[in-house]
Amino acid sequence: RDMGYPDTMIGAKHFLGMRISDLYSHDQLAKVDMPLADLCRDVGWTPP
């Protein structure tokens, strides 16, 4: 966004799917597009 695509509509899966073959089938990684707060609650992790 900072380098010239402020209205980009792609999400984390679009980007990570180019590099991670089991992104959609992996139990945890498939949730990567969840809002961070929801994802943190889901995995039981509190951001520092």
ModelCIF file with pLDDT and N, C-alpha, C, O atoms, coordinates in Angstrom:
data_MODEL
#
_entry.id   MODEL 
#
_entity.id                         1 
_entity.type                       polymer 
_entity.pdbx_number_of_molecules   1 
#
_entity_poly.entity_id                      1 
_entity_poly.type                           'polypeptide(L)' 
_entity_poly.nstd_linkage                   no 
_entity_poly.nstd_monomer                   no 
_entity_poly.pdbx_seq_one_letter_code       RDMGYPDTMIGAKHFLGMRISDLYSHDQLAKVDMPLADLCRDVGWTPP 
_entity_poly.pdbx_seq_one_letter_code_can   RDMGYPDTMIGAKHFLGMRISDLYSHDQLAKVDMPLADLCRDVGWTPP 
_entity_poly.pdbx_strand_id                 A 
#
loop_
_entity_poly_seq.entity_id 
_entity_poly_seq.num 
_entity_poly_seq.mon_id 
_entity_poly_seq.hetero 
1 1  ARG n 
1 2  ASP n 
1 3  MET n 
1 4  GLY n 
1 5  TYR n 
1 6  PRO n 
1 7  ASP n 
1 8  THR n 
1 9  MET n 
1 10 ILE n 
1 11 GLY n 
1 12 ALA n 
1 13 LYS n 
1 14 HIS n 
1 15 PHE n 
1 16 LEU n 
1 17 GLY n 
1 18 MET n 
1 19 ARG n 
1 20 ILE n 
1 21 SER n 
1 22 ASP n 
1 23 LEU n 
1 24 TYR n 
1 25 SER n 
1 26 HIS n 
1 27 ASP n 
1 28 GLN n 
1 29 LEU n 
1 30 ALA n 
1 31 LYS n 
1 32 VAL n 
1 33 ASP n 
1 34 MET n 
1 35 PRO n 
1 36 LEU n 
1 37 ALA n 
1 38 ASP n 
1 39 LEU n 
1 40 CYS n 
1 41 ARG n 
1 42 ASP n 
1 43 VAL n 
1 44 GLY n 
1 45 TRP n 
1 46 THR n 
1 47 PRO n 
1 48 PRO n 
#
_struct_asym.id          A 
_struct_asym.entity_id   1 
#
loop_
_ma_qa_metric.id 
_ma_qa_metric.mode 
_ma_qa_metric.name 
_ma_qa_metric.software_group_id 
_ma_qa_metric.type 
1 global pLDDT . pLDDT 
2 local  pLDDT . pLDDT 
#
_ma_qa_metric_global.metric_id      1 
_ma_qa_metric_global.metric_value   89.15 
_ma_qa_metric_global.model_id       1 
_ma_qa_metric_global.ordinal_id     1 
#
loop_
_ma_qa_metric_local.label_asym_id 
_ma_qa_metric_local.label_comp_id 
_ma_qa_metric_local.label_seq_id 
_ma_qa_metric_local.metric_id 
_ma_qa_metric_local.metric_value 
_ma_qa_metric_local.model_id 
_ma_qa_metric_local.ordinal_id 
A ARG 1  2 90.00 1 1  
A ASP 2  2 87.00 1 2  
A MET 3  2 84.00 1 3  
A GLY 4  2 81.00 1 4  
A TYR 5  2 83.00 1 5  
A PRO 6  2 84.00 1 6  
A ASP 7  2 87.00 1 7  
A THR 8  2 86.00 1 8  
A MET 9  2 88.00 1 9  
A ILE 10 2 89.00 1 10 
A GLY 11 2 88.00 1 11 
A ALA 12 2 88.00 1 12 
A LYS 13 2 89.00 1 13 
A HIS 14 2 89.00 1 14 
A PHE 15 2 81.00 1 15 
A LEU 16 2 85.00 1 16 
A GLY 17 2 86.00 1 17 
A MET 18 2 85.00 1 18 
A ARG 19 2 81.00 1 19 
A ILE 20 2 83.00 1 20 
A SER 21 2 86.00 1 21 
A ASP 22 2 89.00 1 22 
A LEU 23 2 87.00 1 23 
A TYR 24 2 90.00 1 24 
A SER 25 2 90.00 1 25 
A HIS 26 2 87.00 1 26 
A ASP 27 2 87.00 1 27 
A GLN 28 2 87.00 1 28 
A LEU 29 2 87.00 1 29 
A ALA 30 2 89.00 1 30 
A LYS 31 2 90.00 1 31 
A VAL 32 2 92.00 1 32 
A ASP 33 2 91.00 1 33 
A MET 34 2 92.00 1 34 
A PRO 35 2 94.00 1 35 
A LEU 36 2 94.00 1 36 
A ALA 37 2 95.00 1 37 
A ASP 38 2 95.00 1 38 
A LEU 39 2 95.00 1 39 
A CYS 40 2 95.00 1 40 
A ARG 41 2 95.00 1 41 
A ASP 42 2 94.00 1 42 
A VAL 43 2 94.00 1 43 
A GLY 44 2 94.00 1 44 
A TRP 45 2 95.00 1 45 
A THR 46 2 93.00 1 46 
A PRO 47 2 95.00 1 47 
A PRO 48 2 93.00 1 48 
#
loop_
_atom_site.group_PDB 
_atom_site.id 
_atom_site.type_symbol 
_atom_site.label_atom_id 
_atom_site.label_alt_id 
_atom_site.label_comp_id 
_atom_site.label_asym_id 
_atom_site.label_entity_id 
_atom_site.label_seq_id 
_atom_site.pdbx_PDB_ins_code 
_atom_site.Cartn_x 
_atom_site.Cartn_y 
_atom_site.Cartn_z 
_atom_site.occupancy 
_atom_site.B_iso_or_equiv 
_atom_site.pdbx_formal_charge 
_atom_site.auth_seq_id 
_atom_site.auth_comp_id 
_atom_site.auth_asym_id 
_atom_site.auth_atom_id 
_atom_site.pdbx_PDB_model_num 
ATOM 1   N N  . ARG A 1 1  ? 0.837  -1.211  0.000  1.00 90.00 ? 1  ARG A N  1 
ATOM 2   C CA . ARG A 1 1  ? 0.000  0.000   0.000  1.00 90.00 ? 1  ARG A CA 1 
ATOM 3   C C  . ARG A 1 1  ? 0.869  1.258   0.000  1.00 90.00 ? 1  ARG A C  1 
ATOM 4   O O  . ARG A 1 1  ? 0.575  2.235   -0.688 1.00 90.00 ? 1  ARG A O  1 
ATOM 5   N N  . ASP A 1 2  ? 1.934  1.209   0.780  1.00 87.00 ? 2  ASP A N  1 
ATOM 6   C CA . ASP A 1 2  ? 2.816  2.367   0.925  1.00 87.00 ? 2  ASP A CA 1 
ATOM 7   C C  . ASP A 1 2  ? 3.552  2.695   -0.373 1.00 87.00 ? 2  ASP A C  1 
ATOM 8   O O  . ASP A 1 2  ? 3.860  3.858   -0.638 1.00 87.00 ? 2  ASP A O  1 
ATOM 9   N N  . MET A 1 3  ? 3.831  1.682   -1.172 1.00 84.00 ? 3  MET A N  1 
ATOM 10  C CA . MET A 1 3  ? 4.640  1.895   -2.372 1.00 84.00 ? 3  MET A CA 1 
ATOM 11  C C  . MET A 1 3  ? 3.812  2.168   -3.622 1.00 84.00 ? 3  MET A C  1 
ATOM 12  O O  . MET A 1 3  ? 4.367  2.221   -4.720 1.00 84.00 ? 3  MET A O  1 
ATOM 13  N N  . GLY A 1 4  ? 2.508  2.341   -3.487 1.00 81.00 ? 4  GLY A N  1 
ATOM 14  C CA . GLY A 1 4  ? 1.758  2.757   -4.663 1.00 81.00 ? 4  GLY A CA 1 
ATOM 15  C C  . GLY A 1 4  ? 0.468  2.038   -4.933 1.00 81.00 ? 4  GLY A C  1 
ATOM 16  O O  . GLY A 1 4  ? -0.164 2.291   -5.959 1.00 81.00 ? 4  GLY A O  1 
ATOM 17  N N  . TYR A 1 5  ? 0.041  1.141   -4.048 1.00 83.00 ? 5  TYR A N  1 
ATOM 18  C CA . TYR A 1 5  ? -1.234 0.447   -4.228 1.00 83.00 ? 5  TYR A CA 1 
ATOM 19  C C  . TYR A 1 5  ? -2.100 0.643   -2.985 1.00 83.00 ? 5  TYR A C  1 
ATOM 20  O O  . TYR A 1 5  ? -2.405 -0.323  -2.286 1.00 83.00 ? 5  TYR A O  1 
ATOM 21  N N  . PRO A 1 6  ? -2.498 1.887   -2.705 1.00 84.00 ? 6  PRO A N  1 
ATOM 22  C CA . PRO A 1 6  ? -3.223 2.151   -1.458 1.00 84.00 ? 6  PRO A CA 1 
ATOM 23  C C  . PRO A 1 6  ? -4.584 1.459   -1.379 1.00 84.00 ? 6  PRO A C  1 
ATOM 24  O O  . PRO A 1 6  ? -5.094 1.217   -0.284 1.00 84.00 ? 6  PRO A O  1 
ATOM 25  N N  . ASP A 1 7  ? -5.170 1.143   -2.525 1.00 87.00 ? 7  ASP A N  1 
ATOM 26  C CA . ASP A 1 7  ? -6.498 0.525   -2.525 1.00 87.00 ? 7  ASP A CA 1 
ATOM 27  C C  . ASP A 1 7  ? -6.432 -0.983  -2.751 1.00 87.00 ? 7  ASP A C  1 
ATOM 28  O O  . ASP A 1 7  ? -7.421 -1.590  -3.161 1.00 87.00 ? 7  ASP A O  1 
ATOM 29  N N  . THR A 1 8  ? -5.280 -1.589  -2.489 1.00 86.00 ? 8  THR A N  1 
ATOM 30  C CA . THR A 1 8  ? -5.137 -3.027  -2.744 1.00 86.00 ? 8  THR A CA 1 
ATOM 31  C C  . THR A 1 8  ? -6.204 -3.814  -1.989 1.00 86.00 ? 8  THR A C  1 
ATOM 32  O O  . THR A 1 8  ? -6.535 -3.502  -0.845 1.00 86.00 ? 8  THR A O  1 
ATOM 33  N N  . MET A 1 9  ? -6.729 -4.831  -2.645 1.00 88.00 ? 9  MET A N  1 
ATOM 34  C CA . MET A 1 9  ? -7.806 -5.637  -2.056 1.00 88.00 ? 9  MET A CA 1 
ATOM 35  C C  . MET A 1 9  ? -7.346 -7.054  -1.721 1.00 88.00 ? 9  MET A C  1 
ATOM 36  O O  . MET A 1 9  ? -8.148 -7.867  -1.263 1.00 88.00 ? 9  MET A O  1 
ATOM 37  N N  . ILE A 1 10 ? -6.064 -7.363  -1.944 1.00 89.00 ? 10 ILE A N  1 
ATOM 38  C CA . ILE A 1 10 ? -5.617 -8.725  -1.666 1.00 89.00 ? 10 ILE A CA 1 
ATOM 39  C C  . ILE A 1 10 ? -5.452 -8.921  -0.164 1.00 89.00 ? 10 ILE A C  1 
ATOM 40  O O  . ILE A 1 10 ? -5.215 -7.972  0.584  1.00 89.00 ? 10 ILE A O  1 
ATOM 41  N N  . GLY A 1 11 ? -5.583 -10.164 0.254  1.00 88.00 ? 11 GLY A N  1 
ATOM 42  C CA . GLY A 1 11 ? -5.427 -10.491 1.670  1.00 88.00 ? 11 GLY A CA 1 
ATOM 43  C C  . GLY A 1 11 ? -4.182 -11.317 1.899  1.00 88.00 ? 11 GLY A C  1 
ATOM 44  O O  . GLY A 1 11 ? -3.405 -11.561 0.976  1.00 88.00 ? 11 GLY A O  1 
ATOM 45  N N  . ALA A 1 12 ? -3.996 -11.744 3.127  1.00 88.00 ? 12 ALA A N  1 
ATOM 46  C CA . ALA A 1 12 ? -2.813 -12.521 3.503  1.00 88.00 ? 12 ALA A CA 1 
ATOM 47  C C  . ALA A 1 12 ? -2.724 -13.822 2.710  1.00 88.00 ? 12 ALA A C  1 
ATOM 48  O O  . ALA A 1 12 ? -1.631 -14.232 2.319  1.00 88.00 ? 12 ALA A O  1 
ATOM 49  N N  . LYS A 1 13 ? -3.875 -14.482 2.467  1.00 89.00 ? 13 LYS A N  1 
ATOM 50  C CA . LYS A 1 13 ? -3.856 -15.748 1.731  1.00 89.00 ? 13 LYS A CA 1 
ATOM 51  C C  . LYS A 1 13 ? -3.380 -15.567 0.293  1.00 89.00 ? 13 LYS A C  1 
ATOM 52  O O  . LYS A 1 13 ? -2.675 -16.424 -0.237 1.00 89.00 ? 13 LYS A O  1 
ATOM 53  N N  . HIS A 1 14 ? -3.759 -14.464 -0.338 1.00 89.00 ? 14 HIS A N  1 
ATOM 54  C CA . HIS A 1 14 ? -3.309 -14.218 -1.715 1.00 89.00 ? 14 HIS A CA 1 
ATOM 55  C C  . HIS A 1 14 ? -1.790 -14.161 -1.769 1.00 89.00 ? 14 HIS A C  1 
ATOM 56  O O  . HIS A 1 14 ? -1.161 -14.685 -2.689 1.00 89.00 ? 14 HIS A O  1 
ATOM 57  N N  . PHE A 1 15 ? -1.226 -13.520 -0.775 1.00 81.00 ? 15 PHE A N  1 
ATOM 58  C CA . PHE A 1 15 ? 0.217  -13.347 -0.752 1.00 81.00 ? 15 PHE A CA 1 
ATOM 59  C C  . PHE A 1 15 ? 0.933  -14.633 -0.309 1.00 81.00 ? 15 PHE A C  1 
ATOM 60  O O  . PHE A 1 15 ? 1.885  -15.072 -0.954 1.00 81.00 ? 15 PHE A O  1 
ATOM 61  N N  . LEU A 1 16 ? 0.469  -15.224 0.785  1.00 85.00 ? 16 LEU A N  1 
ATOM 62  C CA . LEU A 1 16 ? 1.133  -16.413 1.318  1.00 85.00 ? 16 LEU A CA 1 
ATOM 63  C C  . LEU A 1 16 ? 0.907  -17.650 0.442  1.00 85.00 ? 16 LEU A C  1 
ATOM 64  O O  . LEU A 1 16 ? 1.738  -18.558 0.413  1.00 85.00 ? 16 LEU A O  1 
ATOM 65  N N  . GLY A 1 17 ? -0.224 -17.676 -0.268 1.00 86.00 ? 17 GLY A N  1 
ATOM 66  C CA . GLY A 1 17 ? -0.534 -18.816 -1.125 1.00 86.00 ? 17 GLY A CA 1 
ATOM 67  C C  . GLY A 1 17 ? 0.469  -19.018 -2.247 1.00 86.00 ? 17 GLY A C  1 
ATOM 68  O O  . GLY A 1 17 ? 0.529  -20.099 -2.833 1.00 86.00 ? 17 GLY A O  1 
ATOM 69  N N  . MET A 1 18 ? 1.246  -18.012 -2.551 1.00 85.00 ? 18 MET A N  1 
ATOM 70  C CA . MET A 1 18 ? 2.292  -18.147 -3.581 1.00 85.00 ? 18 MET A CA 1 
ATOM 71  C C  . MET A 1 18 ? 3.476  -18.957 -3.062 1.00 85.00 ? 18 MET A C  1 
ATOM 72  O O  . MET A 1 18 ? 4.259  -19.487 -3.850 1.00 85.00 ? 18 MET A O  1 
ATOM 73  N N  . ARG A 1 19 ? 3.609  -19.055 -1.739 1.00 81.00 ? 19 ARG A N  1 
ATOM 74  C CA . ARG A 1 19 ? 4.790  -19.679 -1.159 1.00 81.00 ? 19 ARG A CA 1 
ATOM 75  C C  . ARG A 1 19 ? 4.489  -20.909 -0.306 1.00 81.00 ? 19 ARG A C  1 
ATOM 76  O O  . ARG A 1 19 ? 5.374  -21.734 -0.080 1.00 81.00 ? 19 ARG A O  1 
ATOM 77  N N  . ILE A 1 20 ? 3.253  -21.038 0.169  1.00 83.00 ? 20 ILE A N  1 
ATOM 78  C CA . ILE A 1 20 ? 2.911  -22.143 1.069  1.00 83.00 ? 20 ILE A CA 1 
ATOM 79  C C  . ILE A 1 20 ? 1.902  -23.044 0.373  1.00 83.00 ? 20 ILE A C  1 
ATOM 80  O O  . ILE A 1 20 ? 0.759  -22.650 0.139  1.00 83.00 ? 20 ILE A O  1 
ATOM 81  N N  . SER A 1 21 ? 2.333  -24.255 0.046  1.00 86.00 ? 21 SER A N  1 
ATOM 82  C CA . SER A 1 21 ? 1.495  -25.146 -0.764 1.00 86.00 ? 21 SER A CA 1 
ATOM 83  C C  . SER A 1 21 ? 0.264  -25.654 -0.023 1.00 86.00 ? 21 SER A C  1 
ATOM 84  O O  . SER A 1 21 ? -0.776 -25.869 -0.645 1.00 86.00 ? 21 SER A O  1 
ATOM 85  N N  . ASP A 1 22 ? 0.357  -25.853 1.298  1.00 89.00 ? 22 ASP A N  1 
ATOM 86  C CA . ASP A 1 22 ? -0.788 -26.403 2.028  1.00 89.00 ? 22 ASP A CA 1 
ATOM 87  C C  . ASP A 1 22 ? -1.536 -25.327 2.824  1.00 89.00 ? 22 ASP A C  1 
ATOM 88  O O  . ASP A 1 22 ? -2.145 -25.621 3.853  1.00 89.00 ? 22 ASP A O  1 
ATOM 89  N N  . LEU A 1 23 ? -1.489 -24.110 2.354  1.00 87.00 ? 23 LEU A N  1 
ATOM 90  C CA . LEU A 1 23 ? -2.103 -22.986 3.068  1.00 87.00 ? 23 LEU A CA 1 
ATOM 91  C C  . LEU A 1 23 ? -3.580 -23.237 3.348  1.00 87.00 ? 23 LEU A C  1 
ATOM 92  O O  . LEU A 1 23 ? -4.048 -22.987 4.458  1.00 87.00 ? 23 LEU A O  1 
ATOM 93  N N  . TYR A 1 24 ? -4.309 -23.722 2.368  1.00 90.00 ? 24 TYR A N  1 
ATOM 94  C CA . TYR A 1 24 ? -5.755 -23.881 2.531  1.00 90.00 ? 24 TYR A CA 1 
ATOM 95  C C  . TYR A 1 24 ? -6.137 -25.167 3.256  1.00 90.00 ? 24 TYR A C  1 
ATOM 96  O O  . TYR A 1 24 ? -7.241 -25.271 3.791  1.00 90.00 ? 24 TYR A O  1 
ATOM 97  N N  . SER A 1 25 ? -5.246 -26.134 3.279  1.00 90.00 ? 25 SER A N  1 
ATOM 98  C CA . SER A 1 25 ? -5.573 -27.401 3.939  1.00 90.00 ? 25 SER A CA 1 
ATOM 99  C C  . SER A 1 25 ? -4.978 -27.505 5.343  1.00 90.00 ? 25 SER A C  1 
ATOM 100 O O  . SER A 1 25 ? -5.386 -28.366 6.124  1.00 90.00 ? 25 SER A O  1 
ATOM 101 N N  . HIS A 1 26 ? -4.035 -26.652 5.667  1.00 87.00 ? 26 HIS A N  1 
ATOM 102 C CA . HIS A 1 26 ? -3.391 -26.675 6.988  1.00 87.00 ? 26 HIS A CA 1 
ATOM 103 C C  . HIS A 1 26 ? -4.382 -26.160 8.032  1.00 87.00 ? 26 HIS A C  1 
ATOM 104 O O  . HIS A 1 26 ? -5.017 -25.124 7.838  1.00 87.00 ? 26 HIS A O  1 
ATOM 105 N N  . ASP A 1 27 ? -4.506 -26.890 9.134  1.00 87.00 ? 27 ASP A N  1 
ATOM 106 C CA . ASP A 1 27 ? -5.489 -26.574 10.161 1.00 87.00 ? 27 ASP A CA 1 
ATOM 107 C C  . ASP A 1 27 ? -5.365 -25.132 10.671 1.00 87.00 ? 27 ASP A C  1 
ATOM 108 O O  . ASP A 1 27 ? -6.371 -24.431 10.778 1.00 87.00 ? 27 ASP A O  1 
ATOM 109 N N  . GLN A 1 28 ? -4.156 -24.686 10.982 1.00 87.00 ? 28 GLN A N  1 
ATOM 110 C CA . GLN A 1 28 ? -3.944 -23.339 11.533 1.00 87.00 ? 28 GLN A CA 1 
ATOM 111 C C  . GLN A 1 28 ? -3.764 -22.282 10.453 1.00 87.00 ? 28 GLN A C  1 
ATOM 112 O O  . GLN A 1 28 ? -4.384 -21.220 10.523 1.00 87.00 ? 28 GLN A O  1 
ATOM 113 N N  . LEU A 1 29 ? -2.915 -22.555 9.444  1.00 87.00 ? 29 LEU A N  1 
ATOM 114 C CA . LEU A 1 29 ? -2.606 -21.543 8.429  1.00 87.00 ? 29 LEU A CA 1 
ATOM 115 C C  . LEU A 1 29 ? -3.827 -21.123 7.618  1.00 87.00 ? 29 LEU A C  1 
ATOM 116 O O  . LEU A 1 29 ? -3.876 -20.008 7.097  1.00 87.00 ? 29 LEU A O  1 
ATOM 117 N N  . ALA A 1 30 ? -4.808 -22.010 7.511  1.00 89.00 ? 30 ALA A N  1 
ATOM 118 C CA . ALA A 1 30 ? -6.027 -21.673 6.772  1.00 89.00 ? 30 ALA A CA 1 
ATOM 119 C C  . ALA A 1 30 ? -6.774 -20.508 7.421  1.00 89.00 ? 30 ALA A C  1 
ATOM 120 O O  . ALA A 1 30 ? -7.637 -19.901 6.786  1.00 89.00 ? 30 ALA A O  1 
ATOM 121 N N  . LYS A 1 31 ? -6.453 -20.188 8.681  1.00 90.00 ? 31 LYS A N  1 
ATOM 122 C CA . LYS A 1 31 ? -7.136 -19.111 9.412  1.00 90.00 ? 31 LYS A CA 1 
ATOM 123 C C  . LYS A 1 31 ? -6.401 -17.769 9.309  1.00 90.00 ? 31 LYS A C  1 
ATOM 124 O O  . LYS A 1 31 ? -6.759 -16.808 9.989  1.00 90.00 ? 31 LYS A O  1 
ATOM 125 N N  . VAL A 1 32 ? -5.386 -17.711 8.466  1.00 92.00 ? 32 VAL A N  1 
ATOM 126 C CA . VAL A 1 32 ? -4.508 -16.538 8.443  1.00 92.00 ? 32 VAL A CA 1 
ATOM 127 C C  . VAL A 1 32 ? -5.223 -15.239 8.036  1.00 92.00 ? 32 VAL A C  1 
ATOM 128 O O  . VAL A 1 32 ? -4.734 -14.151 8.338  1.00 92.00 ? 32 VAL A O  1 
ATOM 129 N N  . ASP A 1 33 ? -6.363 -15.340 7.363  1.00 91.00 ? 33 ASP A N  1 
ATOM 130 C CA . ASP A 1 33 ? -7.087 -14.122 6.972  1.00 91.00 ? 33 ASP A CA 1 
ATOM 131 C C  . ASP A 1 33 ? -8.047 -13.625 8.057  1.00 91.00 ? 33 ASP A C  1 
ATOM 132 O O  . ASP A 1 33 ? -8.706 -12.601 7.876  1.00 91.00 ? 33 ASP A O  1 
ATOM 133 N N  . MET A 1 34 ? -8.127 -14.335 9.167  1.00 92.00 ? 34 MET A N  1 
ATOM 134 C CA . MET A 1 34 ? -8.978 -13.864 10.276 1.00 92.00 ? 34 MET A CA 1 
ATOM 135 C C  . MET A 1 34 ? -8.418 -12.545 10.814 1.00 92.00 ? 34 MET A C  1 
ATOM 136 O O  . MET A 1 34 ? -7.211 -12.318 10.731 1.00 92.00 ? 34 MET A O  1 
ATOM 137 N N  . PRO A 1 35 ? -9.261 -11.678 11.358 1.00 94.00 ? 35 PRO A N  1 
ATOM 138 C CA . PRO A 1 35 ? -8.730 -10.491 12.044 1.00 94.00 ? 35 PRO A CA 1 
ATOM 139 C C  . PRO A 1 35 ? -7.752 -10.930 13.141 1.00 94.00 ? 35 PRO A C  1 
ATOM 140 O O  . PRO A 1 35 ? -7.963 -11.954 13.791 1.00 94.00 ? 35 PRO A O  1 
ATOM 141 N N  . LEU A 1 36 ? -6.699 -10.164 13.339 1.00 94.00 ? 36 LEU A N  1 
ATOM 142 C CA . LEU A 1 36 ? -5.638 -10.546 14.270 1.00 94.00 ? 36 LEU A CA 1 
ATOM 143 C C  . LEU A 1 36 ? -6.168 -10.848 15.670 1.00 94.00 ? 36 LEU A C  1 
ATOM 144 O O  . LEU A 1 36 ? -5.757 -11.827 16.293 1.00 94.00 ? 36 LEU A O  1 
ATOM 145 N N  . ALA A 1 37 ? -7.066 -10.020 16.158 1.00 95.00 ? 37 ALA A N  1 
ATOM 146 C CA . ALA A 1 37 ? -7.582 -10.234 17.521 1.00 95.00 ? 37 ALA A CA 1 
ATOM 147 C C  . ALA A 1 37 ? -8.288 -11.595 17.616 1.00 95.00 ? 37 ALA A C  1 
ATOM 148 O O  . ALA A 1 37 ? -8.122 -12.323 18.595 1.00 95.00 ? 37 ALA A O  1 
ATOM 149 N N  . ASP A 1 38 ? -9.073 -11.925 16.590 1.00 95.00 ? 38 ASP A N  1 
ATOM 150 C CA . ASP A 1 38 ? -9.780 -13.219 16.590 1.00 95.00 ? 38 ASP A CA 1 
ATOM 151 C C  . ASP A 1 38 ? -8.797 -14.373 16.479 1.00 95.00 ? 38 ASP A C  1 
ATOM 152 O O  . ASP A 1 38 ? -8.950 -15.395 17.149 1.00 95.00 ? 38 ASP A O  1 
ATOM 153 N N  . LEU A 1 39 ? -7.791 -14.207 15.634 1.00 95.00 ? 39 LEU A N  1 
ATOM 154 C CA . LEU A 1 39 ? -6.783 -15.262 15.451 1.00 95.00 ? 39 LEU A CA 1 
ATOM 155 C C  . LEU A 1 39 ? -6.002 -15.485 16.749 1.00 95.00 ? 39 LEU A C  1 
ATOM 156 O O  . LEU A 1 39 ? -5.730 -16.625 17.126 1.00 95.00 ? 39 LEU A O  1 
ATOM 157 N N  . CYS A 1 40 ? -5.646 -14.402 17.423 1.00 95.00 ? 40 CYS A N  1 
ATOM 158 C CA . CYS A 1 40 ? -4.922 -14.524 18.699 1.00 95.00 ? 40 CYS A CA 1 
ATOM 159 C C  . CYS A 1 40 ? -5.764 -15.270 19.725 1.00 95.00 ? 40 CYS A C  1 
ATOM 160 O O  . CYS A 1 40 ? -5.251 -16.132 20.438 1.00 95.00 ? 40 CYS A O  1 
ATOM 161 N N  . ARG A 1 41 ? -7.050 -14.948 19.806 1.00 95.00 ? 41 ARG A N  1 
ATOM 162 C CA . ARG A 1 41 ? -7.938 -15.655 20.729 1.00 95.00 ? 41 ARG A CA 1 
ATOM 163 C C  . ARG A 1 41 ? -8.032 -17.134 20.354 1.00 95.00 ? 41 ARG A C  1 
ATOM 164 O O  . ARG A 1 41 ? -8.022 -18.010 21.220 1.00 95.00 ? 41 ARG A O  1 
ATOM 165 N N  . ASP A 1 42 ? -8.123 -17.398 19.041 1.00 94.00 ? 42 ASP A N  1 
ATOM 166 C CA . ASP A 1 42 ? -8.283 -18.766 18.558 1.00 94.00 ? 42 ASP A CA 1 
ATOM 167 C C  . ASP A 1 42 ? -7.085 -19.645 18.930 1.00 94.00 ? 42 ASP A C  1 
ATOM 168 O O  . ASP A 1 42 ? -7.245 -20.813 19.286 1.00 94.00 ? 42 ASP A O  1 
ATOM 169 N N  . VAL A 1 43 ? -5.880 -19.063 18.843 1.00 94.00 ? 43 VAL A N  1 
ATOM 170 C CA . VAL A 1 43 ? -4.679 -19.864 19.147 1.00 94.00 ? 43 VAL A CA 1 
ATOM 171 C C  . VAL A 1 43 ? -4.190 -19.658 20.578 1.00 94.00 ? 43 VAL A C  1 
ATOM 172 O O  . VAL A 1 43 ? -3.189 -20.249 20.983 1.00 94.00 ? 43 VAL A O  1 
ATOM 173 N N  . GLY A 1 44 ? -4.886 -18.827 21.340 1.00 94.00 ? 44 GLY A N  1 
ATOM 174 C CA . GLY A 1 44 ? -4.513 -18.603 22.737 1.00 94.00 ? 44 GLY A CA 1 
ATOM 175 C C  . GLY A 1 44 ? -3.205 -17.862 22.916 1.00 94.00 ? 44 GLY A C  1 
ATOM 176 O O  . GLY A 1 44 ? -2.395 -18.225 23.768 1.00 94.00 ? 44 GLY A O  1 
ATOM 177 N N  . TRP A 1 45 ? -2.991 -16.827 22.120 1.00 95.00 ? 45 TRP A N  1 
ATOM 178 C CA . TRP A 1 45 ? -1.740 -16.056 22.181 1.00 95.00 ? 45 TRP A CA 1 
ATOM 179 C C  . TRP A 1 45 ? -2.068 -14.594 22.429 1.00 95.00 ? 45 TRP A C  1 
ATOM 180 O O  . TRP A 1 45 ? -2.955 -14.036 21.782 1.00 95.00 ? 45 TRP A O  1 
ATOM 181 N N  . THR A 1 46 ? -1.365 -13.975 23.355 1.00 93.00 ? 46 THR A N  1 
ATOM 182 C CA . THR A 1 46 ? -1.564 -12.549 23.637 1.00 93.00 ? 46 THR A CA 1 
ATOM 183 C C  . THR A 1 46 ? -0.390 -11.762 23.074 1.00 93.00 ? 46 THR A C  1 
ATOM 184 O O  . THR A 1 46 ? 0.757  -12.030 23.431 1.00 93.00 ? 46 THR A O  1 
ATOM 185 N N  . PRO A 1 47 ? -0.654 -10.797 22.201 1.00 95.00 ? 47 PRO A N  1 
ATOM 186 C CA . PRO A 1 47 ? 0.433  -9.999  21.636 1.00 95.00 ? 47 PRO A CA 1 
ATOM 187 C C  . PRO A 1 47 ? 1.185  -9.256  22.734 1.00 95.00 ? 47 PRO A C  1 
ATOM 188 O O  . PRO A 1 47 ? 0.574  -8.807  23.705 1.00 95.00 ? 47 PRO A O  1 
ATOM 189 N N  . PRO A 1 48 ? 2.499  -9.121  22.594 1.00 93.00 ? 48 PRO A N  1 
ATOM 190 C CA . PRO A 1 48 ? 3.281  -8.432  23.630 1.00 93.00 ? 48 PRO A CA 1 
ATOM 191 C C  . PRO A 1 48 ? 2.827  -6.999  23.857 1.00 93.00 ? 48 PRO A C  1 
ATOM 192 O O  . PRO A 1 48 ? 3.392  -6.298  24.697 1.00 93.00 ? 48 PRO A O  1 
#
